[in-house]
N, C-alpha and C. Protein backbone atom coordinates (compact mmCIF):
# COMPACT_ATOMS: atom_id res chain seq x y z
N UNK A 1 14.09 -33.71 -8.15
CA UNK A 1 15.22 -34.56 -7.90
C UNK A 1 14.85 -35.56 -6.81
N UNK A 2 15.39 -36.75 -6.95
CA UNK A 2 15.23 -37.78 -5.93
C UNK A 2 16.62 -38.19 -5.44
N UNK A 3 16.75 -38.36 -4.14
CA UNK A 3 18.00 -38.85 -3.56
C UNK A 3 17.84 -40.33 -3.28
N UNK A 4 18.81 -41.12 -3.73
CA UNK A 4 18.75 -42.57 -3.57
C UNK A 4 19.97 -43.07 -2.82
N UNK A 5 19.75 -44.13 -2.06
CA UNK A 5 20.84 -44.85 -1.42
C UNK A 5 20.76 -46.28 -1.94
N UNK A 6 21.81 -46.72 -2.60
CA UNK A 6 21.83 -48.07 -3.16
C UNK A 6 22.32 -49.06 -2.11
N UNK A 7 21.85 -50.27 -2.21
CA UNK A 7 22.35 -51.33 -1.33
C UNK A 7 23.82 -51.59 -1.63
N UNK A 8 24.58 -51.99 -0.63
CA UNK A 8 26.01 -52.26 -0.87
C UNK A 8 26.20 -53.29 -1.98
N UNK A 9 27.12 -52.99 -2.87
CA UNK A 9 27.42 -53.89 -3.98
C UNK A 9 26.51 -53.72 -5.18
N UNK A 10 25.51 -52.87 -5.10
CA UNK A 10 24.58 -52.66 -6.22
C UNK A 10 24.99 -51.42 -7.00
N UNK A 11 24.59 -51.39 -8.25
CA UNK A 11 24.83 -50.21 -9.08
C UNK A 11 23.52 -49.78 -9.71
N UNK A 12 23.49 -48.56 -10.22
CA UNK A 12 22.27 -48.01 -10.81
C UNK A 12 22.16 -48.45 -12.26
N UNK A 13 21.05 -49.07 -12.60
CA UNK A 13 20.73 -49.42 -13.97
C UNK A 13 19.74 -48.37 -14.47
N UNK A 14 20.25 -47.40 -15.22
CA UNK A 14 19.44 -46.26 -15.64
C UNK A 14 18.24 -46.61 -16.48
N UNK A 15 18.38 -47.59 -17.37
CA UNK A 15 17.24 -47.95 -18.23
C UNK A 15 16.20 -48.75 -17.45
N UNK A 16 16.61 -49.63 -16.56
CA UNK A 16 15.65 -50.40 -15.75
C UNK A 16 14.91 -49.47 -14.79
N UNK A 17 15.61 -48.50 -14.22
CA UNK A 17 14.95 -47.56 -13.33
C UNK A 17 13.95 -46.71 -14.10
N UNK A 18 14.30 -46.30 -15.31
CA UNK A 18 13.36 -45.53 -16.12
C UNK A 18 12.09 -46.34 -16.39
N UNK A 19 12.24 -47.61 -16.74
CA UNK A 19 11.06 -48.46 -17.00
C UNK A 19 10.20 -48.58 -15.75
N UNK A 20 10.82 -48.72 -14.60
CA UNK A 20 10.10 -48.83 -13.34
C UNK A 20 9.32 -47.53 -13.05
N UNK A 21 9.98 -46.41 -13.20
CA UNK A 21 9.34 -45.11 -12.96
C UNK A 21 8.21 -44.89 -13.97
N UNK A 22 8.45 -45.26 -15.22
CA UNK A 22 7.46 -45.07 -16.28
C UNK A 22 6.18 -45.87 -15.99
N UNK A 23 6.33 -47.06 -15.43
CA UNK A 23 5.18 -47.91 -15.12
C UNK A 23 4.39 -47.42 -13.92
N UNK A 24 5.08 -46.85 -12.92
CA UNK A 24 4.43 -46.52 -11.65
C UNK A 24 3.98 -45.07 -11.51
N UNK A 25 4.60 -44.15 -12.23
CA UNK A 25 4.30 -42.74 -12.04
C UNK A 25 3.84 -42.07 -13.33
N UNK A 26 2.97 -41.07 -13.21
CA UNK A 26 2.63 -40.30 -14.41
C UNK A 26 3.84 -39.45 -14.81
N UNK A 27 3.95 -39.08 -16.08
CA UNK A 27 5.14 -38.36 -16.57
C UNK A 27 5.48 -37.10 -15.78
N UNK A 28 4.48 -36.38 -15.29
CA UNK A 28 4.80 -35.15 -14.56
C UNK A 28 5.47 -35.44 -13.21
N UNK A 29 5.40 -36.67 -12.72
CA UNK A 29 5.98 -37.01 -11.42
C UNK A 29 7.34 -37.71 -11.55
N UNK A 30 7.82 -37.95 -12.76
CA UNK A 30 9.11 -38.60 -12.94
C UNK A 30 10.22 -37.68 -12.42
N UNK A 31 11.12 -38.18 -11.58
CA UNK A 31 12.25 -37.35 -11.16
C UNK A 31 13.14 -37.03 -12.36
N UNK A 32 13.42 -35.77 -12.57
CA UNK A 32 14.27 -35.37 -13.69
C UNK A 32 15.75 -35.58 -13.35
N UNK A 33 16.07 -35.52 -12.06
CA UNK A 33 17.44 -35.70 -11.60
C UNK A 33 17.47 -36.72 -10.47
N UNK A 34 18.55 -37.48 -10.42
CA UNK A 34 18.79 -38.41 -9.31
C UNK A 34 20.12 -38.06 -8.67
N UNK A 35 20.17 -38.26 -7.38
CA UNK A 35 21.41 -38.03 -6.64
C UNK A 35 21.67 -39.27 -5.80
N UNK A 36 22.80 -39.94 -6.06
CA UNK A 36 23.16 -41.14 -5.30
C UNK A 36 23.96 -40.73 -4.08
N UNK A 37 23.53 -41.22 -2.92
CA UNK A 37 24.21 -40.88 -1.68
C UNK A 37 24.61 -42.14 -0.95
N UNK A 38 25.62 -42.02 -0.10
CA UNK A 38 26.05 -43.14 0.75
C UNK A 38 25.00 -43.41 1.82
N UNK A 39 24.42 -42.33 2.35
CA UNK A 39 23.36 -42.44 3.35
C UNK A 39 22.55 -41.15 3.29
N UNK A 40 21.31 -41.21 3.77
CA UNK A 40 20.46 -40.03 3.81
C UNK A 40 20.75 -39.23 5.07
N UNK A 41 20.95 -37.95 4.91
CA UNK A 41 21.17 -37.07 6.05
C UNK A 41 19.84 -36.83 6.75
N UNK A 42 19.86 -36.94 8.09
CA UNK A 42 18.64 -36.78 8.87
C UNK A 42 18.80 -35.64 9.87
N UNK A 43 17.66 -35.06 10.25
CA UNK A 43 17.64 -34.04 11.30
C UNK A 43 17.61 -34.74 12.66
N UNK A 44 17.59 -33.94 13.71
CA UNK A 44 17.52 -34.50 15.06
C UNK A 44 16.21 -35.23 15.31
N UNK A 45 15.17 -34.86 14.54
CA UNK A 45 13.86 -35.51 14.70
C UNK A 45 13.62 -36.57 13.62
N UNK A 46 14.70 -37.05 13.01
CA UNK A 46 14.68 -38.15 12.04
C UNK A 46 13.89 -37.83 10.77
N UNK A 47 13.98 -36.60 10.33
CA UNK A 47 13.41 -36.20 9.04
C UNK A 47 14.55 -36.01 8.06
N UNK A 48 14.27 -36.27 6.79
CA UNK A 48 15.30 -36.09 5.77
C UNK A 48 15.62 -34.60 5.61
N UNK A 49 16.89 -34.30 5.37
CA UNK A 49 17.31 -32.91 5.18
C UNK A 49 17.14 -32.51 3.73
N UNK A 50 15.90 -32.31 3.34
CA UNK A 50 15.58 -31.96 1.96
C UNK A 50 15.97 -30.53 1.62
N UNK A 51 15.88 -29.64 2.59
CA UNK A 51 16.19 -28.23 2.34
C UNK A 51 17.65 -28.08 1.93
N UNK A 52 18.55 -28.74 2.63
CA UNK A 52 19.97 -28.65 2.29
C UNK A 52 20.23 -29.21 0.89
N UNK A 53 19.59 -30.33 0.57
CA UNK A 53 19.76 -30.91 -0.76
C UNK A 53 19.25 -29.96 -1.84
N UNK A 54 18.11 -29.34 -1.59
CA UNK A 54 17.55 -28.39 -2.56
C UNK A 54 18.47 -27.18 -2.73
N UNK A 55 19.05 -26.70 -1.65
CA UNK A 55 19.96 -25.55 -1.72
C UNK A 55 21.22 -25.88 -2.50
N UNK A 56 21.70 -27.11 -2.37
CA UNK A 56 22.91 -27.52 -3.10
C UNK A 56 22.64 -27.64 -4.59
N UNK A 57 21.41 -27.93 -4.98
CA UNK A 57 21.05 -27.99 -6.39
C UNK A 57 21.61 -29.21 -7.11
N UNK A 58 21.85 -29.04 -8.41
CA UNK A 58 22.29 -30.18 -9.23
C UNK A 58 23.47 -29.83 -10.12
N UNK A 59 24.30 -28.90 -9.67
CA UNK A 59 25.52 -28.55 -10.40
C UNK A 59 26.56 -29.63 -10.14
N UNK A 60 26.96 -30.41 -11.17
CA UNK A 60 27.90 -31.51 -10.94
C UNK A 60 29.28 -31.06 -10.47
N UNK A 61 29.61 -29.79 -10.64
CA UNK A 61 30.91 -29.31 -10.16
C UNK A 61 30.85 -28.93 -8.68
N UNK A 62 29.63 -28.76 -8.13
CA UNK A 62 29.48 -28.34 -6.74
C UNK A 62 28.98 -29.45 -5.83
N UNK A 63 28.33 -30.46 -6.40
CA UNK A 63 27.75 -31.55 -5.61
C UNK A 63 28.71 -32.73 -5.63
N UNK A 64 29.10 -33.23 -4.46
CA UNK A 64 30.07 -34.32 -4.43
C UNK A 64 29.50 -35.68 -4.82
N UNK A 65 28.17 -35.84 -4.74
CA UNK A 65 27.54 -37.12 -5.03
C UNK A 65 27.33 -37.31 -6.53
N UNK A 66 27.29 -38.56 -7.00
CA UNK A 66 26.99 -38.81 -8.42
C UNK A 66 25.57 -38.34 -8.75
N UNK A 67 25.42 -37.65 -9.87
CA UNK A 67 24.14 -37.15 -10.33
C UNK A 67 23.76 -37.80 -11.65
N UNK A 68 22.47 -38.01 -11.83
CA UNK A 68 21.96 -38.60 -13.07
C UNK A 68 20.82 -37.74 -13.58
N UNK A 69 20.65 -37.74 -14.89
CA UNK A 69 19.65 -36.94 -15.57
C UNK A 69 18.71 -37.86 -16.33
N UNK A 70 17.42 -37.56 -16.30
CA UNK A 70 16.44 -38.32 -17.06
C UNK A 70 16.59 -37.97 -18.53
N UNK A 71 16.92 -38.95 -19.35
CA UNK A 71 17.04 -38.76 -20.80
C UNK A 71 15.88 -39.51 -21.43
N UNK A 72 14.81 -38.78 -21.75
CA UNK A 72 13.62 -39.43 -22.29
C UNK A 72 13.88 -40.01 -23.68
N UNK A 73 14.81 -39.44 -24.42
CA UNK A 73 15.13 -39.96 -25.75
C UNK A 73 15.69 -41.37 -25.70
N UNK A 74 16.59 -41.62 -24.76
CA UNK A 74 17.17 -42.95 -24.64
C UNK A 74 16.44 -43.81 -23.61
N UNK A 75 15.41 -43.23 -22.98
CA UNK A 75 14.61 -43.93 -21.97
C UNK A 75 15.49 -44.52 -20.87
N UNK A 76 16.31 -43.63 -20.30
CA UNK A 76 17.22 -44.06 -19.24
C UNK A 76 17.65 -42.85 -18.41
N UNK A 77 18.15 -43.14 -17.23
CA UNK A 77 18.83 -42.12 -16.44
C UNK A 77 20.30 -42.23 -16.78
N UNK A 78 20.89 -41.10 -17.19
CA UNK A 78 22.29 -41.08 -17.63
C UNK A 78 23.09 -40.18 -16.69
N UNK A 79 24.39 -40.43 -16.56
CA UNK A 79 25.21 -39.57 -15.68
C UNK A 79 25.16 -38.11 -16.13
N UNK A 80 25.04 -37.22 -15.17
CA UNK A 80 25.02 -35.78 -15.44
C UNK A 80 26.43 -35.25 -15.26
N UNK A 81 27.03 -34.85 -16.36
CA UNK A 81 28.38 -34.29 -16.33
C UNK A 81 28.36 -32.82 -16.71
N UNK A 82 29.53 -32.21 -16.77
CA UNK A 82 29.60 -30.78 -17.11
C UNK A 82 28.98 -30.44 -18.47
N UNK A 83 29.12 -31.31 -19.46
CA UNK A 83 28.57 -31.02 -20.79
C UNK A 83 27.04 -30.95 -20.75
N UNK A 84 26.42 -31.94 -20.10
CA UNK A 84 24.96 -31.93 -19.99
C UNK A 84 24.49 -30.75 -19.13
N UNK A 85 25.25 -30.44 -18.07
CA UNK A 85 24.92 -29.32 -17.19
C UNK A 85 24.86 -28.02 -17.99
N UNK A 86 25.84 -27.80 -18.85
CA UNK A 86 25.85 -26.58 -19.68
C UNK A 86 24.66 -26.56 -20.63
N UNK A 87 24.32 -27.71 -21.19
CA UNK A 87 23.17 -27.78 -22.10
C UNK A 87 21.86 -27.51 -21.36
N UNK A 88 21.74 -27.95 -20.11
CA UNK A 88 20.55 -27.65 -19.31
C UNK A 88 20.48 -26.15 -19.06
N UNK A 89 21.60 -25.54 -18.69
CA UNK A 89 21.62 -24.12 -18.39
C UNK A 89 21.29 -23.24 -19.59
N UNK A 90 21.82 -23.60 -20.77
CA UNK A 90 21.56 -22.76 -21.93
C UNK A 90 20.25 -23.11 -22.65
N UNK A 91 19.54 -24.12 -22.15
CA UNK A 91 18.22 -24.45 -22.68
C UNK A 91 18.23 -25.38 -23.88
N UNK A 92 19.40 -25.83 -24.32
CA UNK A 92 19.44 -26.74 -25.46
C UNK A 92 19.05 -28.16 -25.09
N UNK A 93 19.05 -28.48 -23.79
CA UNK A 93 18.61 -29.79 -23.31
C UNK A 93 17.37 -29.57 -22.45
N UNK A 94 16.22 -29.99 -22.97
CA UNK A 94 14.97 -29.81 -22.24
C UNK A 94 14.85 -30.86 -21.15
N UNK A 95 14.37 -30.42 -20.00
CA UNK A 95 14.16 -31.36 -18.91
C UNK A 95 12.69 -31.42 -18.53
């Protein structure tokens, strides 16, 4: 998962981001999940709080931030909702 902070007034273009990631990273390094945040949480020593984000996971019912899922079929990052979450859990949606 990657946590992103968008510039004010900007929105996420899932297909353009997929193309960018596809050009710059090998497939094994593509983030499978994205989490949009208002700002990145930092520790007292100005490090990102990755442990807390990892503990919260990617359950859309438990995470307050918008979540996106890499959909290789449509070559885009798409919103992760309860339906996709259930498909990930039961294995019918490969990530």
